[in-house]
Amino acid sequence: MAVTADNLRTAKASWRTPLVIIICGCAIALLSFGPRSSLGFFIQPMSKEFTWGRDVFGLALALQNLLWGLGQPIAGAIADRFGVLRVMVVGALLYAGGLLLMRYGATPASLDLGAGVLIGFGLSGCSFNLVLSAFSKLLPPEKRGIALGAGTAAGSFGQFLFAPFGVALIDNFGWQAALTVFALLMLLIVPLSLALATPPATTENVPAADQQSFKTALAEAFGHPSYVLLVLGFFTCGFQLAFITVHLPAYLADRGISAQTGGWVIAAVGLFNIIGSLSVGVLQNKFPKRYILSTLYFVRAMAIVAFISFPITPFSAIMFGAVTGLAWLSTVPPTSALVALMFGTRWFATLYGFAFVSHQVGGFLGVWLGGVVFESYGSYTPIWWLSVLFGVLSALINLPIVEAPVARAVAQPA
């Protein structure tokens, strides 16, 4: 039988079943989230070797969070227009390059470029955000809820694996070898991304209701009060996550908690967020997503209050990691699901990307202010209480969100 182009395309696509797509996407989320969630463990050995203050490392990782956020809508728009594959490949290469520059750089400027610029833009191209976008485009609606939860949980499992793994590498082989291993692992994202390839957008493969121009989609989203509230609430998520990820290991060390225990605290956050993310992935199909988000932000705030109000012990630190983990990235599935519900999937990566800008602006401030406040006052206490305030505010502003597709009188041409 003659082999036609259609036959080749069918054979090529046949291996990309929903299960394969979910497994490969989860593997990418695991790999991309693991190293960046472990960078806090490099603060002390690198600062000791180069006589840097924590504000130097804090600025570099703050830049990473900010540029990850600013690059996300750009990466999302390119992925929406031309497909996810090429964006993920470039992102993985930038990520690996940033880790290697951290390994061989010896100045604050090289740290800013490697840990800040390259890893920041690399994450915008290959992190779980684009994985969730690919899931939304490639999977049927009935599988999206659990897939979004699984993709988010996989990122947390990466945190669970890489935190103690990173500490072990640093202790046994040095921080330079640890960064080299991390960089090599990032290259695995390139072959895995083949399973998540999405087709370029054309009017033929886009539903009529979703045929909008880029400018029209943005104007519609930012003119929608519920989207604005969702974006504002996501700021707190970034502020808390980035501050805790980067500064918690040093905060614990200051109180006599060993680096190994600190590694297990961060690992506990990742492990319990697997439970939280998967649970939220299921619960969001049964309960209003705005109530889930409000509850998660409030739980985070109360966990911080309890943690800093009592003496720090290994047990209390790990318990804080466990409780915080349940509400850690669990905000991502309902946030991304609300974006898809309100505006459809045509510009999902772009619109979720803009929401993620708010998340990462919060992350930038959390990391940067953490370093600045500590160097100025010798304490993280003001930032802990600021995190509590933001958590309570986000719990409140998510309540008025309307969970319904945006009304469109006339579909706009692409």
Protein backbone atom coordinates (compact mmCIF):
# COMPACT_ATOMS: atom_id res chain seq x y z
CA MET A 1 0.00 0.00 0.00
CA ALA A 2 1.29 3.46 -0.90
CA VAL A 3 2.43 5.65 1.97
CA THR A 4 0.74 9.05 1.81
CA ALA A 5 1.35 12.23 3.77
CA ASP A 6 -1.93 11.68 5.64
CA ASN A 7 -0.85 8.15 6.60
CA LEU A 8 2.46 9.46 7.91
CA ARG A 9 0.73 12.14 9.95
CA THR A 10 -1.69 9.60 11.39
CA ALA A 11 1.10 7.19 12.31
CA LYS A 12 3.14 9.99 13.81
CA ALA A 13 0.24 11.13 16.01
CA SER A 14 -0.95 7.65 17.00
CA TRP A 15 1.61 7.23 19.79
CA ARG A 16 0.50 10.48 21.48
CA THR A 17 -2.35 9.02 23.49
CA PRO A 18 -3.78 11.02 26.43
CA LEU A 19 -1.77 8.84 28.82
CA VAL A 20 1.51 9.48 26.97
CA ILE A 21 0.79 13.21 26.83
CA ILE A 22 0.08 13.34 30.58
CA ILE A 23 3.14 11.25 31.51
CA CYS A 24 5.55 13.26 29.37
CA GLY A 25 4.03 16.55 30.50
CA CYS A 26 4.34 15.53 34.14
CA ALA A 27 7.97 14.51 33.57
CA ILE A 28 8.71 17.95 32.09
CA ALA A 29 7.01 19.67 35.02
CA LEU A 30 9.03 17.54 37.45
CA LEU A 31 12.35 18.31 35.76
CA SER A 32 11.77 22.03 35.25
CA PHE A 33 10.47 22.74 38.75
CA GLY A 34 12.99 20.63 40.64
CA PRO A 35 16.27 22.60 40.30
CA ARG A 36 14.75 26.07 40.67
CA SER A 37 13.01 25.03 43.88
CA SER A 38 16.37 23.85 45.26
CA LEU A 39 18.40 26.98 44.54
CA GLY A 40 17.92 28.24 48.10
CA PHE A 41 20.38 25.57 49.24
CA PHE A 42 23.12 27.21 47.18
CA ILE A 43 22.89 30.51 49.08
CA GLN A 44 25.16 29.55 51.95
CA PRO A 45 27.93 27.65 50.10
CA MET A 46 28.14 30.20 47.28
CA SER A 47 27.92 33.18 49.62
CA LYS A 48 30.66 31.68 51.78
CA GLU A 49 32.97 31.05 48.83
CA PHE A 50 32.48 34.44 47.20
CA THR A 51 31.81 36.47 50.40
CA TRP A 52 28.41 37.61 49.16
CA GLY A 53 25.57 38.81 51.33
CA ARG A 54 22.17 37.18 51.02
CA ASP A 55 20.95 40.27 49.22
CA VAL A 56 23.22 39.38 46.24
CA PHE A 57 21.71 35.93 45.84
CA GLY A 58 18.28 37.30 46.66
CA LEU A 59 18.50 39.82 43.79
CA ALA A 60 19.51 37.15 41.27
CA LEU A 61 16.63 34.85 42.20
CA ALA A 62 14.27 37.80 42.38
CA LEU A 63 15.23 38.63 38.78
CA GLN A 64 14.59 34.99 37.90
CA ASN A 65 11.06 35.16 39.27
CA LEU A 66 10.36 38.49 37.59
CA LEU A 67 11.70 37.48 34.17
CA TRP A 68 9.96 34.11 34.37
CA GLY A 69 6.74 36.05 34.81
CA LEU A 70 7.44 38.70 32.17
CA GLY A 71 8.55 36.06 29.68
CA GLN A 72 5.53 33.82 30.27
CA PRO A 73 2.94 35.73 28.22
CA ILE A 74 5.49 36.12 25.40
CA ALA A 75 6.28 32.41 25.44
CA GLY A 76 2.57 31.69 25.75
CA ALA A 77 1.67 33.86 22.77
CA ILE A 78 4.35 32.18 20.63
CA ALA A 79 3.14 28.76 21.75
CA ASP A 80 -0.49 29.70 21.04
CA ARG A 81 0.42 30.89 17.57
CA PHE A 82 3.16 28.47 16.44
CA GLY A 83 2.91 25.49 18.79
CA VAL A 84 4.42 24.47 22.13
CA LEU A 85 7.33 22.33 20.91
CA ARG A 86 9.83 24.94 19.76
CA VAL A 87 9.17 27.12 22.81
CA MET A 88 9.90 24.24 25.17
CA VAL A 89 13.13 23.29 23.40
CA VAL A 90 14.49 26.83 23.55
CA GLY A 91 13.39 27.15 27.18
CA ALA A 92 15.19 23.93 28.19
CA LEU A 93 18.42 25.08 26.51
CA LEU A 94 18.28 28.47 28.23
CA TYR A 95 17.60 26.78 31.58
CA ALA A 96 20.60 24.44 31.21
CA GLY A 97 22.78 27.36 30.10
CA GLY A 98 21.79 29.39 33.15
CA LEU A 99 22.71 26.56 35.53
CA LEU A 100 26.09 26.16 33.84
CA LEU A 101 26.75 29.90 34.08
CA MET A 102 26.00 29.70 37.80
CA ARG A 103 28.54 26.87 37.97
CA TYR A 104 31.35 28.75 36.24
CA GLY A 105 30.54 32.37 37.10
CA ALA A 106 32.24 34.07 40.03
CA THR A 107 30.72 37.56 40.18
CA PRO A 108 27.32 38.95 41.16
CA ALA A 109 26.81 39.98 37.51
CA SER A 110 27.33 36.40 36.30
CA LEU A 111 24.94 35.17 38.97
CA ASP A 112 22.33 37.71 37.85
CA LEU A 113 22.75 36.60 34.23
CA GLY A 114 22.75 32.86 34.92
CA ALA A 115 20.39 32.37 37.84
CA GLY A 116 18.35 35.46 36.96
CA VAL A 117 18.07 36.10 33.24
CA LEU A 118 18.76 32.73 31.58
CA ILE A 119 16.94 30.51 34.07
CA GLY A 120 14.10 33.03 34.32
CA PHE A 121 13.46 33.11 30.57
CA GLY A 122 14.17 29.36 30.38
CA LEU A 123 11.42 28.65 32.89
CA SER A 124 8.97 30.77 30.91
CA GLY A 125 9.54 28.41 27.98
CA CYS A 126 9.61 24.97 29.59
CA SER A 127 7.91 25.12 32.99
CA PHE A 128 4.61 23.57 34.04
CA ASN A 129 2.74 26.63 32.75
CA LEU A 130 3.19 25.53 29.13
CA VAL A 131 2.60 21.94 30.16
CA LEU A 132 -0.82 22.97 31.47
CA SER A 133 -1.46 24.88 28.25
CA ALA A 134 -0.64 21.80 26.18
CA PHE A 135 -2.91 19.68 28.38
CA SER A 136 -5.76 22.16 27.85
CA LYS A 137 -5.31 22.03 24.07
CA LEU A 138 -4.54 18.33 23.54
CA LEU A 139 -6.77 16.57 26.06
CA PRO A 140 -10.57 16.19 26.01
CA PRO A 141 -12.48 18.33 28.54
CA GLU A 142 -13.33 15.40 30.81
CA LYS A 143 -9.63 14.65 31.36
CA ARG A 144 -8.41 18.23 31.85
CA GLY A 145 -9.25 18.65 35.54
CA ILE A 146 -7.24 15.69 36.79
CA ALA A 147 -4.50 16.35 34.20
CA LEU A 148 -4.07 19.94 35.41
CA GLY A 149 -3.84 18.65 38.96
CA ALA A 150 -1.37 15.92 37.95
CA GLY A 151 0.83 18.38 36.05
CA THR A 152 0.97 20.68 39.05
CA ALA A 153 1.58 17.77 41.41
CA ALA A 154 4.45 16.59 39.22
CA GLY A 155 6.16 19.94 39.70
CA SER A 156 5.82 19.42 43.43
CA PHE A 157 7.22 15.91 43.16
CA GLY A 158 10.21 17.49 41.45
CA GLN A 159 10.60 19.72 44.49
CA PHE A 160 10.30 16.67 46.76
CA LEU A 161 13.01 14.82 44.81
CA PHE A 162 15.42 17.64 44.06
CA ALA A 163 15.55 19.24 47.53
CA PRO A 164 17.24 16.30 49.34
CA PHE A 165 18.99 15.30 46.09
CA GLY A 166 20.49 18.78 45.77
CA VAL A 167 21.59 18.84 49.42
CA ALA A 168 23.22 15.41 49.02
CA LEU A 169 25.07 16.52 45.87
CA ILE A 170 26.31 19.70 47.56
CA ASP A 171 27.43 17.84 50.70
CA ASN A 172 29.21 15.02 48.83
CA PHE A 173 30.47 16.60 45.62
CA GLY A 174 30.23 20.36 46.08
CA TRP A 175 27.83 22.98 44.76
CA GLN A 176 29.62 23.15 41.38
CA ALA A 177 28.99 19.48 40.62
CA ALA A 178 25.38 19.81 41.77
CA LEU A 179 24.73 22.61 39.28
CA THR A 180 26.37 20.60 36.46
CA VAL A 181 24.14 17.59 37.17
CA PHE A 182 21.07 19.82 37.23
CA ALA A 183 22.02 21.35 33.86
CA LEU A 184 22.41 17.94 32.22
CA LEU A 185 19.04 16.80 33.54
CA MET A 186 17.34 19.83 31.95
CA LEU A 187 18.32 18.54 28.50
CA LEU A 188 15.92 15.61 28.97
CA ILE A 189 13.08 18.09 28.47
CA VAL A 190 13.94 18.33 24.75
CA PRO A 191 12.89 14.77 23.74
CA LEU A 192 10.00 14.73 26.23
CA SER A 193 8.50 17.86 24.67
CA LEU A 194 7.80 15.97 21.42
CA ALA A 195 4.74 14.44 23.08
CA LEU A 196 3.32 17.88 23.87
CA ALA A 197 3.66 19.38 20.39
CA THR A 198 0.59 21.42 19.51
CA PRO A 199 -0.29 22.48 15.96
CA PRO A 200 0.09 26.09 14.81
CA ALA A 201 -3.13 28.05 15.20
CA THR A 202 -5.24 28.42 12.09
CA THR A 203 -8.85 29.36 11.57
CA GLU A 204 -9.50 25.73 10.63
CA ASN A 205 -8.48 24.25 13.99
CA VAL A 206 -9.89 26.97 16.24
CA PRO A 207 -13.57 26.90 17.31
CA ALA A 208 -15.60 29.83 15.97
CA ALA A 209 -16.23 31.17 19.49
CA ASP A 210 -12.48 31.34 20.12
CA GLN A 211 -11.48 33.08 16.87
CA GLN A 212 -10.10 36.28 18.34
CA SER A 213 -7.16 38.47 17.61
CA PHE A 214 -4.40 38.82 20.20
CA LYS A 215 -5.41 42.40 21.04
CA THR A 216 -9.09 41.54 21.29
CA ALA A 217 -8.35 38.65 23.66
CA LEU A 218 -6.28 40.87 25.94
CA ALA A 219 -8.84 43.68 25.94
CA GLU A 220 -11.60 41.23 26.77
CA ALA A 221 -9.64 39.63 29.62
CA PHE A 222 -8.45 42.81 31.31
CA GLY A 223 -11.92 44.32 30.95
CA HIS A 224 -13.38 41.36 32.84
CA PRO A 225 -13.55 42.05 36.63
CA SER A 226 -13.26 38.36 37.56
CA TYR A 227 -10.04 37.97 35.56
CA VAL A 228 -8.57 41.05 37.23
CA LEU A 229 -9.42 39.68 40.69
CA LEU A 230 -7.91 36.32 39.77
CA VAL A 231 -4.71 38.03 38.59
CA LEU A 232 -4.45 40.14 41.75
CA GLY A 233 -4.93 37.12 44.00
CA PHE A 234 -2.21 35.22 42.16
CA PHE A 235 0.29 37.90 43.28
CA THR A 236 0.15 36.52 46.81
CA CYS A 237 0.82 32.99 45.61
CA GLY A 238 4.07 34.11 44.00
CA PHE A 239 5.15 36.26 46.94
CA GLN A 240 4.74 33.48 49.48
CA LEU A 241 6.13 30.64 47.36
CA ALA A 242 9.26 32.47 46.23
CA PHE A 243 10.08 33.86 49.66
CA ILE A 244 9.69 30.47 51.36
CA THR A 245 11.52 28.52 48.65
CA VAL A 246 14.56 30.80 48.65
CA HIS A 247 14.82 32.01 52.25
CA LEU A 248 13.34 29.22 54.38
CA PRO A 249 16.54 27.06 54.35
CA ALA A 250 18.61 30.01 55.61
CA TYR A 251 15.88 30.98 58.11
CA LEU A 252 15.97 27.47 59.56
CA ALA A 253 19.79 27.41 59.63
CA ASP A 254 19.76 30.67 61.60
CA ARG A 255 17.72 28.85 64.24
CA GLY A 256 20.03 25.88 64.49
CA ILE A 257 18.16 23.56 62.13
CA SER A 258 20.54 21.47 59.98
CA ALA A 259 20.70 21.80 56.20
CA GLN A 260 19.58 18.17 55.92
CA THR A 261 16.45 18.92 57.91
CA GLY A 262 15.92 22.05 55.81
CA GLY A 263 16.08 19.86 52.72
CA TRP A 264 13.41 17.58 54.12
CA VAL A 265 11.22 20.56 55.00
CA ILE A 266 11.29 21.73 51.37
CA ALA A 267 10.78 18.13 50.30
CA ALA A 268 7.75 17.89 52.61
CA VAL A 269 6.30 20.95 50.91
CA GLY A 270 6.67 19.19 47.56
CA LEU A 271 5.40 15.84 48.79
CA PHE A 272 2.27 17.18 50.44
CA ASN A 273 1.55 19.47 47.51
CA ILE A 274 1.22 16.35 45.40
CA ILE A 275 -1.69 15.41 47.65
CA GLY A 276 -3.04 18.96 47.61
CA SER A 277 -2.77 19.46 43.85
CA LEU A 278 -4.34 16.11 42.97
CA SER A 279 -7.11 16.67 45.51
CA VAL A 280 -7.84 20.13 44.15
CA GLY A 281 -7.79 18.75 40.61
CA VAL A 282 -10.70 16.50 41.62
CA LEU A 283 -12.48 18.92 43.97
CA GLN A 284 -12.63 21.73 41.42
CA ASN A 285 -15.10 19.64 39.43
CA LYS A 286 -17.39 19.47 42.48
CA PHE A 287 -17.04 22.81 44.27
CA PRO A 288 -16.78 26.45 43.14
CA LYS A 289 -13.18 27.20 42.22
CA ARG A 290 -13.27 30.63 43.85
CA TYR A 291 -14.06 29.06 47.23
CA ILE A 292 -11.21 26.60 46.81
CA LEU A 293 -8.80 29.44 46.06
CA SER A 294 -10.00 31.51 49.00
CA THR A 295 -9.59 28.57 51.36
CA LEU A 296 -6.07 27.82 50.12
CA TYR A 297 -4.85 31.38 50.62
CA PHE A 298 -6.35 31.53 54.11
CA VAL A 299 -4.79 28.19 55.11
CA ARG A 300 -1.38 29.44 53.99
CA ALA A 301 -1.72 32.60 56.06
CA MET A 302 -2.73 30.69 59.20
CA ALA A 303 0.09 28.17 58.72
CA ILE A 304 2.62 31.01 58.67
CA VAL A 305 1.12 32.56 61.82
CA ALA A 306 1.40 29.25 63.67
CA PHE A 307 4.94 28.61 62.39
CA ILE A 308 6.49 31.91 63.44
CA SER A 309 4.57 32.21 66.72
CA PHE A 310 6.22 29.21 68.41
CA PRO A 311 9.82 28.01 68.86
CA ILE A 312 11.28 26.43 65.71
CA THR A 313 12.12 22.72 66.04
CA PRO A 314 12.77 20.07 63.37
CA PHE A 315 9.27 18.70 64.03
CA SER A 316 7.52 22.09 63.77
CA ALA A 317 9.51 22.93 60.63
CA ILE A 318 8.52 19.68 58.88
CA MET A 319 4.91 20.12 60.00
CA PHE A 320 4.95 23.63 58.53
CA GLY A 321 6.29 22.17 55.30
CA ALA A 322 3.51 19.56 55.25
CA VAL A 323 0.64 21.98 55.95
CA THR A 324 2.02 24.62 53.59
CA GLY A 325 2.54 21.95 50.95
CA LEU A 326 -1.16 21.09 50.91
CA ALA A 327 -1.88 24.67 49.78
CA TRP A 328 1.36 25.29 47.86
CA LEU A 329 0.80 24.99 44.09
CA SER A 330 -2.77 23.84 44.65
CA THR A 331 -3.82 27.34 43.55
CA VAL A 332 -2.62 26.63 40.01
CA PRO A 333 -5.26 24.07 38.84
CA PRO A 334 -8.30 26.24 39.78
CA THR A 335 -6.61 29.41 38.52
CA SER A 336 -5.76 27.87 35.14
CA ALA A 337 -9.18 26.18 34.95
CA LEU A 338 -10.92 29.51 35.56
CA VAL A 339 -8.95 31.14 32.73
CA ALA A 340 -9.97 28.33 30.36
CA LEU A 341 -13.58 28.45 31.58
CA MET A 342 -13.92 32.21 31.14
CA PHE A 343 -12.09 32.66 27.83
CA GLY A 344 -11.66 29.27 26.14
CA THR A 345 -8.38 27.65 25.07
CA ARG A 346 -7.43 29.67 21.95
CA TRP A 347 -5.35 32.21 23.89
CA PHE A 348 -5.07 30.17 27.09
CA ALA A 349 -1.26 30.21 27.32
CA THR A 350 -1.22 33.96 26.74
CA LEU A 351 -3.93 34.86 29.26
CA TYR A 352 -2.64 32.47 31.89
CA GLY A 353 0.79 33.91 31.14
CA PHE A 354 -0.39 37.40 32.06
CA ALA A 355 -1.88 36.05 35.27
CA PHE A 356 1.49 34.46 35.93
CA VAL A 357 3.18 37.85 35.51
CA SER A 358 1.32 38.96 38.63
CA HIS A 359 2.42 35.74 40.35
CA GLN A 360 6.06 36.37 39.49
CA VAL A 361 6.01 40.07 40.36
CA GLY A 362 4.96 38.83 43.77
CA GLY A 363 7.78 36.29 43.62
CA PHE A 364 10.30 38.99 42.75
CA LEU A 365 9.23 41.11 45.71
CA GLY A 366 9.16 38.13 48.08
CA VAL A 367 12.70 37.05 47.26
CA TRP A 368 14.20 40.53 46.94
CA LEU A 369 12.54 42.00 50.02
CA GLY A 370 13.50 38.91 51.99
CA GLY A 371 17.18 39.53 51.27
CA VAL A 372 17.00 43.29 51.76
CA VAL A 373 15.05 43.12 55.02
CA PHE A 374 17.36 40.46 56.45
CA GLU A 375 20.51 42.40 55.60
CA SER A 376 18.98 45.59 57.04
CA TYR A 377 17.37 44.21 60.22
CA GLY A 378 18.92 40.78 60.70
CA SER A 379 15.46 39.19 60.68
CA TYR A 380 12.82 37.87 58.27
CA THR A 381 9.96 38.64 60.65
CA PRO A 382 8.52 41.66 58.73
CA ILE A 383 8.30 39.57 55.53
CA TRP A 384 6.59 36.69 57.31
CA TRP A 385 3.85 39.04 58.56
CA LEU A 386 3.56 40.69 55.14
CA SER A 387 2.95 37.21 53.72
CA VAL A 388 0.15 36.71 56.24
CA LEU A 389 -1.47 40.02 55.24
CA PHE A 390 -1.32 39.19 51.54
CA GLY A 391 -2.78 35.74 52.21
CA VAL A 392 -5.82 37.15 54.00
CA LEU A 393 -6.38 39.79 51.30
CA SER A 394 -6.21 37.19 48.51
CA ALA A 395 -8.65 34.96 50.39
CA LEU A 396 -11.12 37.85 50.34
CA ILE A 397 -10.70 39.11 46.76
CA ASN A 398 -11.23 35.68 45.20
CA LEU A 399 -14.73 35.37 46.66
CA PRO A 400 -16.53 37.70 44.16
CA ILE A 401 -15.16 35.90 41.06
CA VAL A 402 -17.90 34.84 38.62
CA GLU A 403 -17.33 31.34 37.26
CA ALA A 404 -18.88 31.47 33.80
CA PRO A 405 -17.76 31.87 30.17
CA VAL A 406 -17.43 35.48 29.11
CA ALA A 407 -20.37 36.69 27.02
CA ARG A 408 -19.41 37.29 23.38
CA ALA A 409 -21.99 38.90 21.17
CA VAL A 410 -20.03 38.36 17.95
CA ALA A 411 -16.94 36.21 17.44
CA GLN A 412 -13.99 38.33 16.33
CA PRO A 413 -11.94 37.21 13.30
CA ALA A 414 -8.41 35.95 13.96
